[in-house]
Amino acid sequence: MITKYAIKTTFGYVVRRGTTPGELAYYYAAVSDAKHFDTAKDATQWLERAAFHNGREGRPYSGSPQIVRVDEKVSQLTYVDAGPVA
């Protein structure tokens, strides 16, 4: 199994998308479609940048975001939620 990290909210998992490299937008998806990070620190930094950008735009996060560990089952190429990061 390969361990990655994702940002989970009460609405689903956060996915990065955007039309410009600096744009941090998000929508909510299933864990298999979520943006995956190599470390919890990378996920935290991404969330901080997105929160700053969205706050500046007047669009605060909702849904209580938390960083969770997800494990990729290599044989099936699917991700499963492994729970919150301590």
PDB file of N, CA and C in Angstrom:
ATOM      1  N   MET A   1       0.833  -1.189   0.000  1.00  0.00           N
ATOM      2  CA  MET A   1       0.000   0.000   0.000  1.00  0.00           C
ATOM      3  C   MET A   1       0.875   1.249   0.000  1.00  0.00           C
ATOM      4  N   ILE A   2       0.377   2.274  -0.631  1.00  0.00           N
ATOM      5  CA  ILE A   2       1.054   3.564  -0.671  1.00  0.00           C
ATOM      6  C   ILE A   2       0.227   4.541   0.148  1.00  0.00           C
ATOM      7  N   THR A   3       0.863   5.224   1.099  1.00  0.00           N
ATOM      8  CA  THR A   3       0.151   6.177   1.948  1.00  0.00           C
ATOM      9  C   THR A   3       0.288   7.582   1.380  1.00  0.00           C
ATOM     10  N   LYS A   4      -0.827   8.262   1.256  1.00  0.00           N
ATOM     11  CA  LYS A   4      -0.889   9.662   0.842  1.00  0.00           C
ATOM     12  C   LYS A   4      -1.778  10.394   1.836  1.00  0.00           C
ATOM     13  N   TYR A   5      -1.955  11.689   1.629  1.00  0.00           N
ATOM     14  CA  TYR A   5      -2.791  12.506   2.501  1.00  0.00           C
ATOM     15  C   TYR A   5      -3.763  13.303   1.640  1.00  0.00           C
ATOM     16  N   ALA A   6      -4.939  13.572   2.189  1.00  0.00           N
ATOM     17  CA  ALA A   6      -5.967  14.337   1.494  1.00  0.00           C
ATOM     18  C   ALA A   6      -6.637  15.263   2.497  1.00  0.00           C
ATOM     19  N   ILE A   7      -7.389  16.236   1.989  1.00  0.00           N
ATOM     20  CA  ILE A   7      -8.132  17.164   2.838  1.00  0.00           C
ATOM     21  C   ILE A   7      -9.606  16.785   2.742  1.00  0.00           C
ATOM     22  N   LYS A   8     -10.171  16.421   3.889  1.00  0.00           N
ATOM     23  CA  LYS A   8     -11.556  15.959   3.949  1.00  0.00           C
ATOM     24  C   LYS A   8     -12.405  17.002   4.664  1.00  0.00           C
ATOM     25  N   THR A   9     -13.610  17.218   4.171  1.00  0.00           N
ATOM     26  CA  THR A   9     -14.575  18.094   4.827  1.00  0.00           C
ATOM     27  C   THR A   9     -15.859  17.299   5.042  1.00  0.00           C
ATOM     28  N   THR A  10     -16.818  17.920   5.670  1.00  0.00           N
ATOM     29  CA  THR A  10     -18.102  17.244   5.861  1.00  0.00           C
ATOM     30  C   THR A  10     -18.840  17.057   4.537  1.00  0.00           C
ATOM     31  N   PHE A  11     -18.402  17.761   3.489  1.00  0.00           N
ATOM     32  CA  PHE A  11     -19.061  17.675   2.183  1.00  0.00           C
ATOM     33  C   PHE A  11     -18.370  16.705   1.235  1.00  0.00           C
ATOM     34  N   GLY A  12     -17.143  16.297   1.542  1.00  0.00           N
ATOM     35  CA  GLY A  12     -16.367  15.424   0.658  1.00  0.00           C
ATOM     36  C   GLY A  12     -14.901  15.823   0.713  1.00  0.00           C
ATOM     37  N   TYR A  13     -14.143  15.404  -0.267  1.00  0.00           N
ATOM     38  CA  TYR A  13     -12.707  15.679  -0.314  1.00  0.00           C
ATOM     39  C   TYR A  13     -12.420  16.862  -1.228  1.00  0.00           C
ATOM     40  N   VAL A  14     -11.399  17.630  -0.891  1.00  0.00           N
ATOM     41  CA  VAL A  14     -11.039  18.822  -1.647  1.00  0.00           C
ATOM     42  C   VAL A  14     -10.176  18.431  -2.838  1.00  0.00           C
ATOM     43  N   VAL A  15     -10.463  19.039  -3.982  1.00  0.00           N
ATOM     44  CA  VAL A  15      -9.701  18.815  -5.201  1.00  0.00           C
ATOM     45  C   VAL A  15      -9.238  20.166  -5.714  1.00  0.00           C
ATOM     46  N   ARG A  16      -7.964  20.264  -6.083  1.00  0.00           N
ATOM     47  CA  ARG A  16      -7.459  21.523  -6.632  1.00  0.00           C
ATOM     48  C   ARG A  16      -7.769  21.573  -8.117  1.00  0.00           C
ATOM     49  N   ARG A  17      -8.197  22.710  -8.544  1.00  0.00           N
ATOM     50  CA  ARG A  17      -8.389  22.975  -9.967  1.00  0.00           C
ATOM     51  C   ARG A  17      -8.215  24.467 -10.175  1.00  0.00           C
ATOM     52  N   GLY A  18      -8.017  24.899 -11.376  1.00  0.00           N
ATOM     53  CA  GLY A  18      -7.876  26.319 -11.633  1.00  0.00           C
ATOM     54  C   GLY A  18      -7.436  26.578 -13.057  1.00  0.00           C
ATOM     55  N   THR A  19      -7.621  27.801 -13.480  1.00  0.00           N
ATOM     56  CA  THR A  19      -7.248  28.153 -14.845  1.00  0.00           C
ATOM     57  C   THR A  19      -5.869  28.786 -14.905  1.00  0.00           C
ATOM     58  N   THR A  20      -5.357  29.266 -13.782  1.00  0.00           N
ATOM     59  CA  THR A  20      -4.013  29.830 -13.742  1.00  0.00           C
ATOM     60  C   THR A  20      -3.226  29.122 -12.652  1.00  0.00           C
ATOM     61  N   PRO A  21      -1.883  29.092 -12.761  1.00  0.00           N
ATOM     62  CA  PRO A  21      -1.087  28.363 -11.773  1.00  0.00           C
ATOM     63  C   PRO A  21      -1.280  28.854 -10.342  1.00  0.00           C
ATOM     64  N   GLY A  22      -1.531  30.138 -10.139  1.00  0.00           N
ATOM     65  CA  GLY A  22      -1.674  30.668  -8.791  1.00  0.00           C
ATOM     66  C   GLY A  22      -3.071  30.564  -8.216  1.00  0.00           C
ATOM     67  N   GLU A  23      -4.025  30.160  -9.025  1.00  0.00           N
ATOM     68  CA  GLU A  23      -5.420  30.119  -8.565  1.00  0.00           C
ATOM     69  C   GLU A  23      -5.661  28.873  -7.726  1.00  0.00           C
ATOM     70  N   LEU A  24      -6.198  29.075  -6.537  1.00  0.00           N
ATOM     71  CA  LEU A  24      -6.545  27.949  -5.670  1.00  0.00           C
ATOM     72  C   LEU A  24      -8.058  27.917  -5.514  1.00  0.00           C
ATOM     73  N   ALA A  25      -8.675  27.047  -6.242  1.00  0.00           N
ATOM     74  CA  ALA A  25     -10.116  26.853  -6.129  1.00  0.00           C
ATOM     75  C   ALA A  25     -10.339  25.424  -5.662  1.00  0.00           C
ATOM     76  N   TYR A  26     -11.547  25.104  -5.307  1.00  0.00           N
ATOM     77  CA  TYR A  26     -11.793  23.748  -4.828  1.00  0.00           C
ATOM     78  C   TYR A  26     -13.233  23.343  -5.090  1.00  0.00           C
ATOM     79  N   TYR A  27     -13.433  22.080  -5.132  1.00  0.00           N
ATOM     80  CA  TYR A  27     -14.777  21.520  -5.101  1.00  0.00           C
ATOM     81  C   TYR A  27     -14.685  20.219  -4.329  1.00  0.00           C
ATOM     82  N   TYR A  28     -15.789  19.614  -4.055  1.00  0.00           N
ATOM     83  CA  TYR A  28     -15.812  18.440  -3.189  1.00  0.00           C
ATOM     84  C   TYR A  28     -16.070  17.186  -4.013  1.00  0.00           C
ATOM     85  N   ALA A  29     -15.327  16.127  -3.698  1.00  0.00           N
ATOM     86  CA  ALA A  29     -15.410  14.905  -4.491  1.00  0.00           C
ATOM     87  C   ALA A  29     -15.222  13.683  -3.606  1.00  0.00           C
ATOM     88  N   ALA A  30     -15.271  12.531  -4.231  1.00  0.00           N
ATOM     89  CA  ALA A  30     -15.000  11.272  -3.539  1.00  0.00           C
ATOM     90  C   ALA A  30     -13.502  11.147  -3.290  1.00  0.00           C
ATOM     91  N   VAL A  31     -13.116  10.264  -2.391  1.00  0.00           N
ATOM     92  CA  VAL A  31     -11.705  10.111  -2.034  1.00  0.00           C
ATOM     93  C   VAL A  31     -10.862   9.714  -3.246  1.00  0.00           C
ATOM     94  N   SER A  32     -11.411   8.953  -4.170  1.00  0.00           N
ATOM     95  CA  SER A  32     -10.639   8.541  -5.343  1.00  0.00           C
ATOM     96  C   SER A  32     -10.321   9.711  -6.268  1.00  0.00           C
ATOM     97  N   ASP A  33     -11.111  10.792  -6.216  1.00  0.00           N
ATOM     98  CA  ASP A  33     -10.888  11.967  -7.052  1.00  0.00           C
ATOM     99  C   ASP A  33     -10.205  13.104  -6.309  1.00  0.00           C
ATOM    100  N   ALA A  34      -9.873  12.895  -5.055  1.00  0.00           N
ATOM    101  CA  ALA A  34      -9.290  13.965  -4.239  1.00  0.00           C
ATOM    102  C   ALA A  34      -7.860  14.266  -4.656  1.00  0.00           C
ATOM    103  N   LYS A  35      -7.417  15.476  -4.332  1.00  0.00           N
ATOM    104  CA  LYS A  35      -6.008  15.829  -4.512  1.00  0.00           C
ATOM    105  C   LYS A  35      -5.233  15.125  -3.412  1.00  0.00           C
ATOM    106  N   HIS A  36      -4.208  14.378  -3.800  1.00  0.00           N
ATOM    107  CA  HIS A  36      -3.411  13.625  -2.837  1.00  0.00           C
ATOM    108  C   HIS A  36      -2.048  14.277  -2.658  1.00  0.00           C
ATOM    109  N   PHE A  37      -1.586  14.310  -1.424  1.00  0.00           N
ATOM    110  CA  PHE A  37      -0.309  14.915  -1.065  1.00  0.00           C
ATOM    111  C   PHE A  37       0.630  13.832  -0.543  1.00  0.00           C
ATOM    112  N   ASP A  38       1.934  14.032  -0.746  1.00  0.00           N
ATOM    113  CA  ASP A  38       2.920  13.048  -0.283  1.00  0.00           C
ATOM    114  C   ASP A  38       3.098  13.071   1.226  1.00  0.00           C
ATOM    115  N   THR A  39       2.964  14.251   1.843  1.00  0.00           N
ATOM    116  CA  THR A  39       3.138  14.368   3.293  1.00  0.00           C
ATOM    117  C   THR A  39       2.004  15.198   3.882  1.00  0.00           C
ATOM    118  N   ALA A  40       1.789  15.045   5.190  1.00  0.00           N
ATOM    119  CA  ALA A  40       0.785  15.854   5.879  1.00  0.00           C
ATOM    120  C   ALA A  40       1.189  17.322   5.852  1.00  0.00           C
ATOM    121  N   LYS A  41       2.493  17.602   5.884  1.00  0.00           N
ATOM    122  CA  LYS A  41       2.978  18.982   5.838  1.00  0.00           C
ATOM    123  C   LYS A  41       2.606  19.641   4.510  1.00  0.00           C
ATOM    124  N   ASP A  42       2.747  18.914   3.403  1.00  0.00           N
ATOM    125  CA  ASP A  42       2.350  19.449   2.099  1.00  0.00           C
ATOM    126  C   ASP A  42       0.860  19.781   2.076  1.00  0.00           C
ATOM    127  N   ALA A  43       0.043  18.910   2.643  1.00  0.00           N
ATOM    128  CA  ALA A  43      -1.404  19.143   2.692  1.00  0.00           C
ATOM    129  C   ALA A  43      -1.727  20.363   3.544  1.00  0.00           C
ATOM    130  N   THR A  44      -1.027  20.505   4.672  1.00  0.00           N
ATOM    131  CA  THR A  44      -1.242  21.654   5.559  1.00  0.00           C
ATOM    132  C   THR A  44      -0.877  22.950   4.858  1.00  0.00           C
ATOM    133  N   GLN A  45       0.259  22.968   4.170  1.00  0.00           N
ATOM    134  CA  GLN A  45       0.685  24.176   3.463  1.00  0.00           C
ATOM    135  C   GLN A  45      -0.286  24.536   2.349  1.00  0.00           C
ATOM    136  N   TRP A  46      -0.781  23.544   1.621  1.00  0.00           N
ATOM    137  CA  TRP A  46      -1.746  23.814   0.563  1.00  0.00           C
ATOM    138  C   TRP A  46      -3.025  24.406   1.148  1.00  0.00           C
ATOM    139  N   LEU A  47      -3.488  23.832   2.266  1.00  0.00           N
ATOM    140  CA  LEU A  47      -4.711  24.310   2.909  1.00  0.00           C
ATOM    141  C   LEU A  47      -4.537  25.736   3.420  1.00  0.00           C
ATOM    142  N   GLU A  48      -3.365  26.056   3.971  1.00  0.00           N
ATOM    143  CA  GLU A  48      -3.097  27.418   4.444  1.00  0.00           C
ATOM    144  C   GLU A  48      -3.112  28.412   3.288  1.00  0.00           C
ATOM    145  N   ARG A  49      -2.474  28.068   2.169  1.00  0.00           N
ATOM    146  CA  ARG A  49      -2.469  28.964   1.002  1.00  0.00           C
ATOM    147  C   ARG A  49      -3.876  29.156   0.460  1.00  0.00           C
ATOM    148  N   ALA A  50      -4.629  28.057   0.371  1.00  0.00           N
ATOM    149  CA  ALA A  50      -5.992  28.141  -0.142  1.00  0.00           C
ATOM    150  C   ALA A  50      -6.877  28.966   0.783  1.00  0.00           C
ATOM    151  N   ALA A  51      -6.713  28.784   2.095  1.00  0.00           N
ATOM    152  CA  ALA A  51      -7.511  29.555   3.059  1.00  0.00           C
ATOM    153  C   ALA A  51      -7.191  31.040   2.949  1.00  0.00           C
ATOM    154  N   PHE A  52      -5.910  31.380   2.785  1.00  0.00           N
ATOM    155  CA  PHE A  52      -5.521  32.784   2.629  1.00  0.00           C
ATOM    156  C   PHE A  52      -6.140  33.357   1.357  1.00  0.00           C
ATOM    157  N   HIS A  53      -6.006  32.634   0.260  1.00  0.00           N
ATOM    158  CA  HIS A  53      -6.543  33.102  -1.017  1.00  0.00           C
ATOM    159  C   HIS A  53      -8.062  33.256  -0.949  1.00  0.00           C
ATOM    160  N   ASN A  54      -8.736  32.238  -0.426  1.00  0.00           N
ATOM    161  CA  ASN A  54     -10.194  32.290  -0.351  1.00  0.00           C
ATOM    162  C   ASN A  54     -10.673  33.368   0.614  1.00  0.00           C
ATOM    163  N   GLY A  55      -9.948  33.590   1.713  1.00  0.00           N
ATOM    164  CA  GLY A  55     -10.299  34.658   2.647  1.00  0.00           C
ATOM    165  C   GLY A  55     -10.169  36.027   2.012  1.00  0.00           C
ATOM    166  N   ARG A  56      -9.120  36.197   1.221  1.00  0.00           N
ATOM    167  CA  ARG A  56      -8.908  37.462   0.518  1.00  0.00           C
ATOM    168  C   ARG A  56     -10.019  37.708  -0.494  1.00  0.00           C
ATOM    169  N   GLU A  57     -10.537  36.627  -1.075  1.00  0.00           N
ATOM    170  CA  GLU A  57     -11.626  36.730  -2.049  1.00  0.00           C
ATOM    171  C   GLU A  57     -13.001  36.772  -1.385  1.00  0.00           C
ATOM    172  N   GLY A  58     -13.045  36.651  -0.054  1.00  0.00           N
ATOM    173  CA  GLY A  58     -14.321  36.669   0.659  1.00  0.00           C
ATOM    174  C   GLY A  58     -15.075  35.356   0.595  1.00  0.00           C
ATOM    175  N   ARG A  59     -14.354  34.251   0.363  1.00  0.00           N
ATOM    176  CA  ARG A  59     -14.981  32.928   0.289  1.00  0.00           C
ATOM    177  C   ARG A  59     -14.334  32.009   1.318  1.00  0.00           C
ATOM    178  N   PRO A  60     -14.680  32.119   2.586  1.00  0.00           N
ATOM    179  CA  PRO A  60     -14.035  31.277   3.599  1.00  0.00           C
ATOM    180  C   PRO A  60     -14.422  29.808   3.425  1.00  0.00           C
ATOM    181  N   TYR A  61     -13.537  28.939   3.910  1.00  0.00           N
ATOM    182  CA  TYR A  61     -13.825  27.504   3.879  1.00  0.00           C
ATOM    183  C   TYR A  61     -14.982  27.187   4.808  1.00  0.00           C
ATOM    184  N   SER A  62     -15.716  26.175   4.459  1.00  0.00           N
ATOM    185  CA  SER A  62     -16.748  25.652   5.344  1.00  0.00           C
ATOM    186  C   SER A  62     -16.618  24.134   5.345  1.00  0.00           C
ATOM    187  N   GLY A  63     -17.276  23.499   6.251  1.00  0.00           N
ATOM    188  CA  GLY A  63     -17.267  22.050   6.279  1.00  0.00           C
ATOM    189  C   GLY A  63     -16.174  21.433   7.123  1.00  0.00           C
ATOM    190  N   SER A  64     -15.553  22.204   8.008  1.00  0.00           N
ATOM    191  CA  SER A  64     -14.542  21.701   8.946  1.00  0.00           C
ATOM    192  C   SER A  64     -13.460  20.864   8.268  1.00  0.00           C
ATOM    193  N   PRO A  65     -12.586  21.472   7.471  1.00  0.00           N
ATOM    194  CA  PRO A  65     -11.555  20.684   6.790  1.00  0.00           C
ATOM    195  C   PRO A  65     -10.593  20.025   7.768  1.00  0.00           C
ATOM    196  N   GLN A  66     -10.209  18.804   7.466  1.00  0.00           N
ATOM    197  CA  GLN A  66      -9.199  18.091   8.249  1.00  0.00           C
ATOM    198  C   GLN A  66      -8.324  17.293   7.292  1.00  0.00           C
ATOM    199  N   ILE A  67      -7.086  17.064   7.685  1.00  0.00           N
ATOM    200  CA  ILE A  67      -6.166  16.283   6.874  1.00  0.00           C
ATOM    201  C   ILE A  67      -6.280  14.823   7.304  1.00  0.00           C
ATOM    202  N   VAL A  68      -6.481  13.947   6.332  1.00  0.00           N
ATOM    203  CA  VAL A  68      -6.606  12.521   6.621  1.00  0.00           C
ATOM    204  C   VAL A  68      -5.585  11.736   5.803  1.00  0.00           C
ATOM    205  N   ARG A  69      -5.211  10.591   6.344  1.00  0.00           N
ATOM    206  CA  ARG A  69      -4.319   9.684   5.628  1.00  0.00           C
ATOM    207  C   ARG A  69      -5.179   8.769   4.769  1.00  0.00           C
ATOM    208  N   VAL A  70      -4.791   8.590   3.526  1.00  0.00           N
ATOM    209  CA  VAL A  70      -5.487   7.665   2.640  1.00  0.00           C
ATOM    210  C   VAL A  70      -4.466   6.655   2.128  1.00  0.00           C
ATOM    211  N   ASP A  71      -4.866   5.416   2.041  1.00  0.00           N
ATOM    212  CA  ASP A  71      -3.986   4.350   1.573  1.00  0.00           C
ATOM    213  C   ASP A  71      -4.434   3.897   0.192  1.00  0.00           C
ATOM    214  N   GLU A  72      -3.471   3.834  -0.720  1.00  0.00           N
ATOM    215  CA  GLU A  72      -3.774   3.356  -2.064  1.00  0.00           C
ATOM    216  C   GLU A  72      -3.557   1.853  -2.104  1.00  0.00           C
ATOM    217  N   LYS A  73      -4.580   1.152  -2.497  1.00  0.00           N
ATOM    218  CA  LYS A  73      -4.453  -0.288  -2.697  1.00  0.00           C
ATOM    219  C   LYS A  73      -3.919  -0.484  -4.115  1.00  0.00           C
ATOM    220  N   VAL A  74      -2.648  -0.826  -4.206  1.00  0.00           N
ATOM    221  CA  VAL A  74      -1.967  -0.865  -5.495  1.00  0.00           C
ATOM    222  C   VAL A  74      -2.640  -1.826  -6.467  1.00  0.00           C
ATOM    223  N   SER A  75      -3.098  -2.955  -5.987  1.00  0.00           N
ATOM    224  CA  SER A  75      -3.706  -3.938  -6.883  1.00  0.00           C
ATOM    225  C   SER A  75      -5.009  -3.432  -7.497  1.00  0.00           C
ATOM    226  N   GLN A  76      -5.721  -2.578  -6.767  1.00  0.00           N
ATOM    227  CA  GLN A  76      -7.009  -2.081  -7.257  1.00  0.00           C
ATOM    228  C   GLN A  76      -6.940  -0.636  -7.722  1.00  0.00           C
ATOM    229  N   LEU A  77      -5.835   0.061  -7.435  1.00  0.00           N
ATOM    230  CA  LEU A  77      -5.659   1.471  -7.779  1.00  0.00           C
ATOM    231  C   LEU A  77      -6.807   2.332  -7.267  1.00  0.00           C
ATOM    232  N   THR A  78      -7.208   2.088  -6.032  1.00  0.00           N
ATOM    233  CA  THR A  78      -8.233   2.901  -5.394  1.00  0.00           C
ATOM    234  C   THR A  78      -7.724   3.365  -4.041  1.00  0.00           C
ATOM    235  N   TYR A  79      -8.250   4.478  -3.569  1.00  0.00           N
ATOM    236  CA  TYR A  79      -7.875   5.023  -2.270  1.00  0.00           C
ATOM    237  C   TYR A  79      -8.969   4.748  -1.256  1.00  0.00           C
ATOM    238  N   VAL A  80      -8.554   4.476  -0.020  1.00  0.00           N
ATOM    239  CA  VAL A  80      -9.502   4.329   1.078  1.00  0.00           C
ATOM    240  C   VAL A  80      -9.089   5.268   2.193  1.00  0.00           C
ATOM    241  N   ASP A  81     -10.049   5.842   2.875  1.00  0.00           N
ATOM    242  CA  ASP A  81      -9.797   6.761   3.977  1.00  0.00           C
ATOM    243  C   ASP A  81      -9.246   5.973   5.155  1.00  0.00           C
ATOM    244  N   ALA A  82      -8.063   6.370   5.635  1.00  0.00           N
ATOM    245  CA  ALA A  82      -7.431   5.667   6.751  1.00  0.00           C
ATOM    246  C   ALA A  82      -7.584   6.427   8.060  1.00  0.00           C
ATOM    247  N   GLY A  83      -8.277   7.562   8.044  1.00  0.00           N
ATOM    248  CA  GLY A  83      -8.548   8.291   9.276  1.00  0.00           C
ATOM    249  C   GLY A  83      -7.751   9.564   9.425  1.00  0.00           C
ATOM    250  N   PRO A  84      -8.088  10.365  10.437  1.00  0.00           N
ATOM    251  CA  PRO A  84      -7.436  11.657  10.664  1.00  0.00           C
ATOM    252  C   PRO A  84      -5.954  11.503  10.995  1.00  0.00           C
ATOM    253  N   VAL A  85      -5.199  12.532  10.666  1.00  0.00           N
ATOM    254  CA  VAL A  85      -3.776  12.585  10.990  1.00  0.00           C
ATOM    255  C   VAL A  85      -3.641  13.108  12.405  1.00  0.00           C
ATOM    256  N   ALA A  86      -2.837  12.465  13.208  1.00  0.00           N
ATOM    257  CA  ALA A  86      -2.669  12.875  14.611  1.00  0.00           C
ATOM    258  C   ALA A  86      -1.916  14.171  14.709  1.00  0.00           C
TER     259      ALA A  86
END
